[in-house]
């Protein structure tokens, strides 16, 4: 779940349901963007996100950085995984 509301509000388009995730290797993952309001306002990435997590063998505590090319209605998120 994306908990940084500023990132969601400033970087993503609430009218979109499809989202492309591009990792630091240039791999493309087709995802679904889900907005919710219960019990609080939130946003989740589904679909290809699960495949990305499995392929990269991500576990709790792994740090990632998300970015978008510009403020506004992006349909692509860039992600970098930090291996500490």
PDB file of N, CA and C in Angstrom:
ATOM      1  N   UNK A   1       0.846  -1.164   0.000  1.00  0.00           N
ATOM      2  CA  UNK A   1       0.000   0.000   0.000  1.00  0.00           C
ATOM      3  C   UNK A   1       0.895   1.231   0.000  1.00  0.00           C
ATOM      4  N   UNK A   2       0.576   2.188  -0.864  1.00  0.00           N
ATOM      5  CA  UNK A   2       1.317   3.440  -0.892  1.00  0.00           C
ATOM      6  C   UNK A   2       0.779   4.345   0.194  1.00  0.00           C
ATOM      7  N   UNK A   3       1.615   4.685   1.152  1.00  0.00           N
ATOM      8  CA  UNK A   3       1.150   5.472   2.283  1.00  0.00           C
ATOM      9  C   UNK A   3       1.504   6.941   2.167  1.00  0.00           C
ATOM     10  N   UNK A   4       2.348   7.316   1.225  1.00  0.00           N
ATOM     11  CA  UNK A   4       2.717   8.709   1.059  1.00  0.00           C
ATOM     12  C   UNK A   4       1.685   9.360   0.156  1.00  0.00           C
ATOM     13  N   UNK A   5       0.700  10.018   0.755  1.00  0.00           N
ATOM     14  CA  UNK A   5      -0.403  10.601  -0.007  1.00  0.00           C
ATOM     15  C   UNK A   5       0.086  11.689  -0.953  1.00  0.00           C
ATOM     16  N   UNK A   6       1.129  12.422  -0.590  1.00  0.00           N
ATOM     17  CA  UNK A   6       1.635  13.461  -1.482  1.00  0.00           C
ATOM     18  C   UNK A   6       2.122  12.859  -2.793  1.00  0.00           C
ATOM     19  N   UNK A   7       2.799  11.735  -2.744  1.00  0.00           N
ATOM     20  CA  UNK A   7       3.269  11.082  -3.961  1.00  0.00           C
ATOM     21  C   UNK A   7       2.090  10.697  -4.837  1.00  0.00           C
ATOM     22  N   UNK A   8       1.080  10.097  -4.254  1.00  0.00           N
ATOM     23  CA  UNK A   8      -0.093   9.660  -5.012  1.00  0.00           C
ATOM     24  C   UNK A   8      -0.814  10.860  -5.605  1.00  0.00           C
ATOM     25  N   UNK A   9      -1.072  11.874  -4.798  1.00  0.00           N
ATOM     26  CA  UNK A   9      -1.815  13.045  -5.264  1.00  0.00           C
ATOM     27  C   UNK A   9      -1.055  13.822  -6.333  1.00  0.00           C
ATOM     28  N   UNK A  10       0.243  13.950  -6.184  1.00  0.00           N
ATOM     29  CA  UNK A  10       1.022  14.767  -7.104  1.00  0.00           C
ATOM     30  C   UNK A  10       1.526  14.000  -8.321  1.00  0.00           C
ATOM     31  N   UNK A  11       1.619  12.692  -8.234  1.00  0.00           N
ATOM     32  CA  UNK A  11       2.234  11.938  -9.315  1.00  0.00           C
ATOM     33  C   UNK A  11       1.324  11.053 -10.134  1.00  0.00           C
ATOM     34  N   UNK A  12       0.188  10.658  -9.572  1.00  0.00           N
ATOM     35  CA  UNK A  12      -0.661   9.686 -10.259  1.00  0.00           C
ATOM     36  C   UNK A  12      -2.011  10.271 -10.625  1.00  0.00           C
ATOM     37  N   UNK A  13      -2.636   9.688 -11.620  1.00  0.00           N
ATOM     38  CA  UNK A  13      -3.944  10.117 -12.094  1.00  0.00           C
ATOM     39  C   UNK A  13      -4.996   9.188 -11.507  1.00  0.00           C
ATOM     40  N   UNK A  14      -5.888   9.739 -10.720  1.00  0.00           N
ATOM     41  CA  UNK A  14      -6.928   8.921 -10.077  1.00  0.00           C
ATOM     42  C   UNK A  14      -7.905   8.312 -11.074  1.00  0.00           C
ATOM     43  N   UNK A  15      -7.957   8.840 -12.281  1.00  0.00           N
ATOM     44  CA  UNK A  15      -8.872   8.306 -13.291  1.00  0.00           C
ATOM     45  C   UNK A  15      -8.309   7.046 -13.949  1.00  0.00           C
ATOM     46  N   UNK A  16      -7.029   6.762 -13.765  1.00  0.00           N
ATOM     47  CA  UNK A  16      -6.394   5.592 -14.390  1.00  0.00           C
ATOM     48  C   UNK A  16      -6.540   4.346 -13.516  1.00  0.00           C
ATOM     49  N   UNK A  17      -6.632   3.218 -14.185  1.00  0.00           N
ATOM     50  CA  UNK A  17      -6.593   1.948 -13.463  1.00  0.00           C
ATOM     51  C   UNK A  17      -5.396   1.114 -13.900  1.00  0.00           C
ATOM     52  N   UNK A  18      -4.850   1.408 -15.067  1.00  0.00           N
ATOM     53  CA  UNK A  18      -3.666   0.695 -15.556  1.00  0.00           C
ATOM     54  C   UNK A  18      -2.421   1.506 -15.263  1.00  0.00           C
ATOM     55  N   UNK A  19      -1.371   0.819 -14.890  1.00  0.00           N
ATOM     56  CA  UNK A  19      -0.135   1.479 -14.508  1.00  0.00           C
ATOM     57  C   UNK A  19       1.033   0.625 -14.976  1.00  0.00           C
ATOM     58  N   UNK A  20       2.052   1.266 -15.545  1.00  0.00           N
ATOM     59  CA  UNK A  20       3.269   0.560 -15.942  1.00  0.00           C
ATOM     60  C   UNK A  20       4.323   0.802 -14.873  1.00  0.00           C
ATOM     61  N   UNK A  21       4.966  -0.256 -14.459  1.00  0.00           N
ATOM     62  CA  UNK A  21       6.053  -0.181 -13.497  1.00  0.00           C
ATOM     63  C   UNK A  21       7.327  -0.556 -14.245  1.00  0.00           C
ATOM     64  N   UNK A  22       8.328   0.318 -14.189  1.00  0.00           N
ATOM     65  CA  UNK A  22       9.603   0.061 -14.859  1.00  0.00           C
ATOM     66  C   UNK A  22      10.677   0.001 -13.785  1.00  0.00           C
ATOM     67  N   UNK A  23      11.417  -1.124 -13.724  1.00  0.00           N
ATOM     68  CA  UNK A  23      12.458  -1.247 -12.703  1.00  0.00           C
ATOM     69  C   UNK A  23      13.791  -0.750 -13.240  1.00  0.00           C
ATOM     70  N   UNK A  24      14.797  -0.736 -12.380  1.00  0.00           N
ATOM     71  CA  UNK A  24      16.103  -0.198 -12.753  1.00  0.00           C
ATOM     72  C   UNK A  24      16.804  -1.029 -13.821  1.00  0.00           C
ATOM     73  N   UNK A  25      16.307  -2.230 -14.090  1.00  0.00           N
ATOM     74  CA  UNK A  25      16.861  -3.065 -15.159  1.00  0.00           C
ATOM     75  C   UNK A  25      16.168  -2.804 -16.499  1.00  0.00           C
ATOM     76  N   UNK A  26      15.134  -1.966 -16.484  1.00  0.00           N
ATOM     77  CA  UNK A  26      14.383  -1.659 -17.693  1.00  0.00           C
ATOM     78  C   UNK A  26      13.233  -2.609 -17.952  1.00  0.00           C
ATOM     79  N   UNK A  27      12.984  -3.538 -17.024  1.00  0.00           N
ATOM     80  CA  UNK A  27      11.866  -4.478 -17.178  1.00  0.00           C
ATOM     81  C   UNK A  27      10.548  -3.751 -16.936  1.00  0.00           C
ATOM     82  N   UNK A  28       9.543  -4.109 -17.720  1.00  0.00           N
ATOM     83  CA  UNK A  28       8.220  -3.496 -17.626  1.00  0.00           C
ATOM     84  C   UNK A  28       7.256  -4.473 -16.971  1.00  0.00           C
ATOM     85  N   UNK A  29       6.505  -3.964 -16.002  1.00  0.00           N
ATOM     86  CA  UNK A  29       5.517  -4.769 -15.285  1.00  0.00           C
ATOM     87  C   UNK A  29       4.177  -4.061 -15.406  1.00  0.00           C
ATOM     88  N   UNK A  30       3.185  -4.736 -15.989  1.00  0.00           N
ATOM     89  CA  UNK A  30       1.846  -4.163 -16.145  1.00  0.00           C
ATOM     90  C   UNK A  30       1.086  -4.342 -14.829  1.00  0.00           C
ATOM     91  N   UNK A  31       0.676  -3.238 -14.247  1.00  0.00           N
ATOM     92  CA  UNK A  31       0.036  -3.264 -12.937  1.00  0.00           C
ATOM     93  C   UNK A  31      -1.352  -2.641 -12.987  1.00  0.00           C
ATOM     94  N   UNK A  32      -2.053  -2.768 -11.880  1.00  0.00           N
ATOM     95  CA  UNK A  32      -3.373  -2.182 -11.702  1.00  0.00           C
ATOM     96  C   UNK A  32      -3.284  -1.209 -10.541  1.00  0.00           C
ATOM     97  N   UNK A  33      -3.878  -0.046 -10.706  1.00  0.00           N
ATOM     98  CA  UNK A  33      -3.893   0.973  -9.667  1.00  0.00           C
ATOM     99  C   UNK A  33      -5.266   0.971  -9.008  1.00  0.00           C
ATOM    100  N   UNK A  34      -5.287   0.812  -7.697  1.00  0.00           N
ATOM    101  CA  UNK A  34      -6.545   0.694  -6.956  1.00  0.00           C
ATOM    102  C   UNK A  34      -6.585   1.773  -5.879  1.00  0.00           C
ATOM    103  N   UNK A  35      -7.625   2.605  -5.908  1.00  0.00           N
ATOM    104  CA  UNK A  35      -7.815   3.629  -4.891  1.00  0.00           C
ATOM    105  C   UNK A  35      -8.925   3.196  -3.953  1.00  0.00           C
ATOM    106  N   UNK A  36      -8.767   3.477  -2.670  1.00  0.00           N
ATOM    107  CA  UNK A  36      -9.781   3.134  -1.683  1.00  0.00           C
ATOM    108  C   UNK A  36      -9.933   4.241  -0.658  1.00  0.00           C
ATOM    109  N   UNK A  37     -11.017   4.166   0.097  1.00  0.00           N
ATOM    110  CA  UNK A  37     -11.275   5.180   1.120  1.00  0.00           C
ATOM    111  C   UNK A  37     -11.550   4.592   2.494  1.00  0.00           C
ATOM    112  N   UNK A  38     -11.655   3.271   2.590  1.00  0.00           N
ATOM    113  CA  UNK A  38     -11.989   2.649   3.863  1.00  0.00           C
ATOM    114  C   UNK A  38     -10.826   1.814   4.359  1.00  0.00           C
ATOM    115  N   UNK A  39     -10.388   1.897   5.556  1.00  0.00           N
ATOM    116  CA  UNK A  39     -10.854   2.782   6.631  1.00  0.00           C
ATOM    117  C   UNK A  39     -10.286   4.195   6.507  1.00  0.00           C
ATOM    118  N   UNK A  40      -9.360   4.397   5.547  1.00  0.00           N
ATOM    119  CA  UNK A  40      -8.813   5.725   5.288  1.00  0.00           C
ATOM    120  C   UNK A  40      -8.469   5.788   3.804  1.00  0.00           C
ATOM    121  N   UNK A  41      -8.183   6.963   3.305  1.00  0.00           N
ATOM    122  CA  UNK A  41      -7.832   7.089   1.898  1.00  0.00           C
ATOM    123  C   UNK A  41      -6.489   6.429   1.633  1.00  0.00           C
ATOM    124  N   UNK A  42      -6.421   5.584   0.606  1.00  0.00           N
ATOM    125  CA  UNK A  42      -5.192   4.872   0.291  1.00  0.00           C
ATOM    126  C   UNK A  42      -5.156   4.479  -1.184  1.00  0.00           C
ATOM    127  N   UNK A  43      -4.016   4.011  -1.605  1.00  0.00           N
ATOM    128  CA  UNK A  43      -3.806   3.566  -2.975  1.00  0.00           C
ATOM    129  C   UNK A  43      -2.990   2.283  -2.923  1.00  0.00           C
ATOM    130  N   UNK A  44      -3.353   1.312  -3.757  1.00  0.00           N
ATOM    131  CA  UNK A  44      -2.612   0.057  -3.824  1.00  0.00           C
ATOM    132  C   UNK A  44      -2.253  -0.238  -5.273  1.00  0.00           C
ATOM    133  N   UNK A  45      -1.134  -0.927  -5.443  1.00  0.00           N
ATOM    134  CA  UNK A  45      -0.727  -1.387  -6.765  1.00  0.00           C
ATOM    135  C   UNK A  45      -0.906  -2.897  -6.785  1.00  0.00           C
ATOM    136  N   UNK A  46      -1.637  -3.384  -7.770  1.00  0.00           N
ATOM    137  CA  UNK A  46      -1.890  -4.819  -7.878  1.00  0.00           C
ATOM    138  C   UNK A  46      -1.479  -5.333  -9.247  1.00  0.00           C
ATOM    139  N   UNK A  47      -1.928  -6.515  -9.577  1.00  0.00           N
ATOM    140  CA  UNK A  47      -1.617  -7.104 -10.876  1.00  0.00           C
ATOM    141  C   UNK A  47      -0.161  -7.513 -10.964  1.00  0.00           C
ATOM    142  N   UNK A  48       0.580  -6.872 -11.863  1.00  0.00           N
ATOM    143  CA  UNK A  48       1.981  -7.193 -12.085  1.00  0.00           C
ATOM    144  C   UNK A  48       2.881  -6.921 -10.897  1.00  0.00           C
ATOM    145  N   UNK A  49       2.407  -6.155  -9.917  1.00  0.00           N
ATOM    146  CA  UNK A  49       3.205  -5.891  -8.715  1.00  0.00           C
ATOM    147  C   UNK A  49       3.592  -7.195  -8.039  1.00  0.00           C
ATOM    148  N   UNK A  50       2.654  -8.117  -7.944  1.00  0.00           N
ATOM    149  CA  UNK A  50       2.932  -9.403  -7.307  1.00  0.00           C
ATOM    150  C   UNK A  50       4.036 -10.147  -8.062  1.00  0.00           C
ATOM    151  N   UNK A  51       3.976 -10.111  -9.380  1.00  0.00           N
ATOM    152  CA  UNK A  51       5.007 -10.770 -10.192  1.00  0.00           C
ATOM    153  C   UNK A  51       6.366 -10.090 -10.003  1.00  0.00           C
ATOM    154  N   UNK A  52       6.358  -8.771  -9.896  1.00  0.00           N
ATOM    155  CA  UNK A  52       7.589  -8.021  -9.654  1.00  0.00           C
ATOM    156  C   UNK A  52       8.200  -8.428  -8.318  1.00  0.00           C
ATOM    157  N   UNK A  53       7.384  -8.472  -7.275  1.00  0.00           N
ATOM    158  CA  UNK A  53       7.850  -8.841  -5.939  1.00  0.00           C
ATOM    159  C   UNK A  53       8.422 -10.261  -5.942  1.00  0.00           C
ATOM    160  N   UNK A  54       7.730 -11.177  -6.589  1.00  0.00           N
ATOM    161  CA  UNK A  54       8.207 -12.559  -6.646  1.00  0.00           C
ATOM    162  C   UNK A  54       9.497 -12.676  -7.462  1.00  0.00           C
ATOM    163  N   UNK A  55       9.565 -12.001  -8.608  1.00  0.00           N
ATOM    164  CA  UNK A  55      10.745 -12.090  -9.467  1.00  0.00           C
ATOM    165  C   UNK A  55      11.979 -11.496  -8.799  1.00  0.00           C
ATOM    166  N   UNK A  56      11.770 -10.441  -8.022  1.00  0.00           N
ATOM    167  CA  UNK A  56      12.888  -9.776  -7.355  1.00  0.00           C
ATOM    168  C   UNK A  56      13.141 -10.339  -5.961  1.00  0.00           C
ATOM    169  N   UNK A  57      12.295 -11.282  -5.538  1.00  0.00           N
ATOM    170  CA  UNK A  57      12.418 -11.924  -4.232  1.00  0.00           C
ATOM    171  C   UNK A  57      12.434 -10.891  -3.097  1.00  0.00           C
ATOM    172  N   UNK A  58      11.476  -9.969  -3.150  1.00  0.00           N
ATOM    173  CA  UNK A  58      11.403  -8.911  -2.151  1.00  0.00           C
ATOM    174  C   UNK A  58      10.732  -9.408  -0.874  1.00  0.00           C
ATOM    175  N   UNK A  59      11.230  -8.945   0.248  1.00  0.00           N
ATOM    176  CA  UNK A  59      10.685  -9.305   1.558  1.00  0.00           C
ATOM    177  C   UNK A  59      10.412  -8.040   2.353  1.00  0.00           C
ATOM    178  N   UNK A  60       9.733  -8.185   3.480  1.00  0.00           N
ATOM    179  CA  UNK A  60       9.498  -7.050   4.370  1.00  0.00           C
ATOM    180  C   UNK A  60      10.826  -6.406   4.729  1.00  0.00           C
ATOM    181  N   UNK A  61      10.826  -5.085   4.743  1.00  0.00           N
ATOM    182  CA  UNK A  61      12.015  -4.351   5.134  1.00  0.00           C
ATOM    183  C   UNK A  61      12.901  -3.916   3.978  1.00  0.00           C
ATOM    184  N   UNK A  62      12.640  -4.433   2.769  1.00  0.00           N
ATOM    185  CA  UNK A  62      13.420  -4.013   1.602  1.00  0.00           C
ATOM    186  C   UNK A  62      13.039  -2.573   1.269  1.00  0.00           C
ATOM    187  N   UNK A  63      14.052  -1.778   0.954  1.00  0.00           N
ATOM    188  CA  UNK A  63      13.799  -0.380   0.607  1.00  0.00           C
ATOM    189  C   UNK A  63      13.660  -0.242  -0.905  1.00  0.00           C
ATOM    190  N   UNK A  64      12.642   0.513  -1.313  1.00  0.00           N
ATOM    191  CA  UNK A  64      12.469   0.833  -2.722  1.00  0.00           C
ATOM    192  C   UNK A  64      12.234   2.326  -2.846  1.00  0.00           C
ATOM    193  N   UNK A  65      12.536   2.852  -4.009  1.00  0.00           N
ATOM    194  CA  UNK A  65      12.246   4.261  -4.292  1.00  0.00           C
ATOM    195  C   UNK A  65      11.370   4.299  -5.527  1.00  0.00           C
ATOM    196  N   UNK A  66      10.274   5.047  -5.443  1.00  0.00           N
ATOM    197  CA  UNK A  66       9.358   5.211  -6.558  1.00  0.00           C
ATOM    198  C   UNK A  66       9.521   6.603  -7.127  1.00  0.00           C
ATOM    199  N   UNK A  67       9.375   6.731  -8.423  1.00  0.00           N
ATOM    200  CA  UNK A  67       9.457   8.034  -9.059  1.00  0.00           C
ATOM    201  C   UNK A  67       8.595   8.097 -10.300  1.00  0.00           C
ATOM    202  N   UNK A  68       8.199   9.320 -10.660  1.00  0.00           N
ATOM    203  CA  UNK A  68       7.419   9.561 -11.869  1.00  0.00           C
ATOM    204  C   UNK A  68       8.136  10.642 -12.679  1.00  0.00           C
ATOM    205  N   UNK A  69       7.943  10.665 -14.004  1.00  0.00           N
ATOM    206  CA  UNK A  69       8.668  11.624 -14.824  1.00  0.00           C
ATOM    207  C   UNK A  69       8.254  13.079 -14.633  1.00  0.00           C
ATOM    208  N   UNK A  70       7.041  13.312 -14.182  1.00  0.00           N
ATOM    209  CA  UNK A  70       6.552  14.684 -14.005  1.00  0.00           C
ATOM    210  C   UNK A  70       5.375  14.673 -13.028  1.00  0.00           C
ATOM    211  N   UNK A  71       5.040  15.815 -12.517  1.00  0.00           N
ATOM    212  CA  UNK A  71       3.844  15.922 -11.670  1.00  0.00           C
ATOM    213  C   UNK A  71       2.616  15.763 -12.556  1.00  0.00           C
ATOM    214  N   UNK A  72       1.592  15.151 -12.004  1.00  0.00           N
ATOM    215  CA  UNK A  72       0.342  15.045 -12.745  1.00  0.00           C
ATOM    216  C   UNK A  72      -0.076  13.650 -13.086  1.00  0.00           C
ATOM    217  N   UNK A  73      -0.593  13.486 -14.286  1.00  0.00           N
ATOM    218  CA  UNK A  73      -1.303  12.269 -14.684  1.00  0.00           C
ATOM    219  C   UNK A  73      -0.391  11.217 -15.298  1.00  0.00           C
ATOM    220  N   UNK A  74       0.540  10.720 -14.551  1.00  0.00           N
ATOM    221  CA  UNK A  74       1.473   9.702 -15.050  1.00  0.00           C
ATOM    222  C   UNK A  74       0.822   8.334 -15.114  1.00  0.00           C
ATOM    223  N   UNK A  75       1.201   7.572 -16.137  1.00  0.00           N
ATOM    224  CA  UNK A  75       0.758   6.181 -16.219  1.00  0.00           C
ATOM    225  C   UNK A  75       1.935   5.232 -16.035  1.00  0.00           C
ATOM    226  N   UNK A  76       3.100   5.793 -15.675  1.00  0.00           N
ATOM    227  CA  UNK A  76       4.303   4.994 -15.466  1.00  0.00           C
ATOM    228  C   UNK A  76       4.967   5.383 -14.158  1.00  0.00           C
ATOM    229  N   UNK A  77       5.366   4.374 -13.383  1.00  0.00           N
ATOM    230  CA  UNK A  77       6.138   4.589 -12.164  1.00  0.00           C
ATOM    231  C   UNK A  77       7.469   3.880 -12.351  1.00  0.00           C
ATOM    232  N   UNK A  78       8.539   4.553 -11.985  1.00  0.00           N
ATOM    233  CA  UNK A  78       9.871   3.948 -12.016  1.00  0.00           C
ATOM    234  C   UNK A  78      10.226   3.522 -10.607  1.00  0.00           C
ATOM    235  N   UNK A  79      10.773   2.320 -10.482  1.00  0.00           N
ATOM    236  CA  UNK A  79      11.076   1.784  -9.152  1.00  0.00           C
ATOM    237  C   UNK A  79      12.529   1.305  -9.113  1.00  0.00           C
ATOM    238  N   UNK A  80      13.160   1.574  -7.999  1.00  0.00           N
ATOM    239  CA  UNK A  80      14.526   1.080  -7.765  1.00  0.00           C
ATOM    240  C   UNK A  80      14.540   0.335  -6.440  1.00  0.00           C
ATOM    241  N   UNK A  81      15.103  -0.847  -6.459  1.00  0.00           N
ATOM    242  CA  UNK A  81      15.233  -1.662  -5.257  1.00  0.00           C
ATOM    243  C   UNK A  81      16.631  -1.467  -4.705  1.00  0.00           C
ATOM    244  N   UNK A  82      16.720  -1.215  -3.419  1.00  0.00           N
ATOM    245  CA  UNK A  82      18.015  -1.042  -2.761  1.00  0.00           C
ATOM    246  C   UNK A  82      18.360  -2.313  -2.007  1.00  0.00           C
ATOM    247  N   UNK A  83      19.464  -2.927  -2.386  1.00  0.00           N
ATOM    248  CA  UNK A  83      19.943  -4.127  -1.722  1.00  0.00           C
ATOM    249  C   UNK A  83      21.017  -3.717  -0.718  1.00  0.00           C
ATOM    250  N   UNK A  84      20.638  -3.656   0.535  1.00  0.00           N
ATOM    251  CA  UNK A  84      21.606  -3.276   1.596  1.00  0.00           C
ATOM    252  C   UNK A  84      22.312  -4.476   2.136  1.00  0.00           C
TER     253      UNK A  84
END
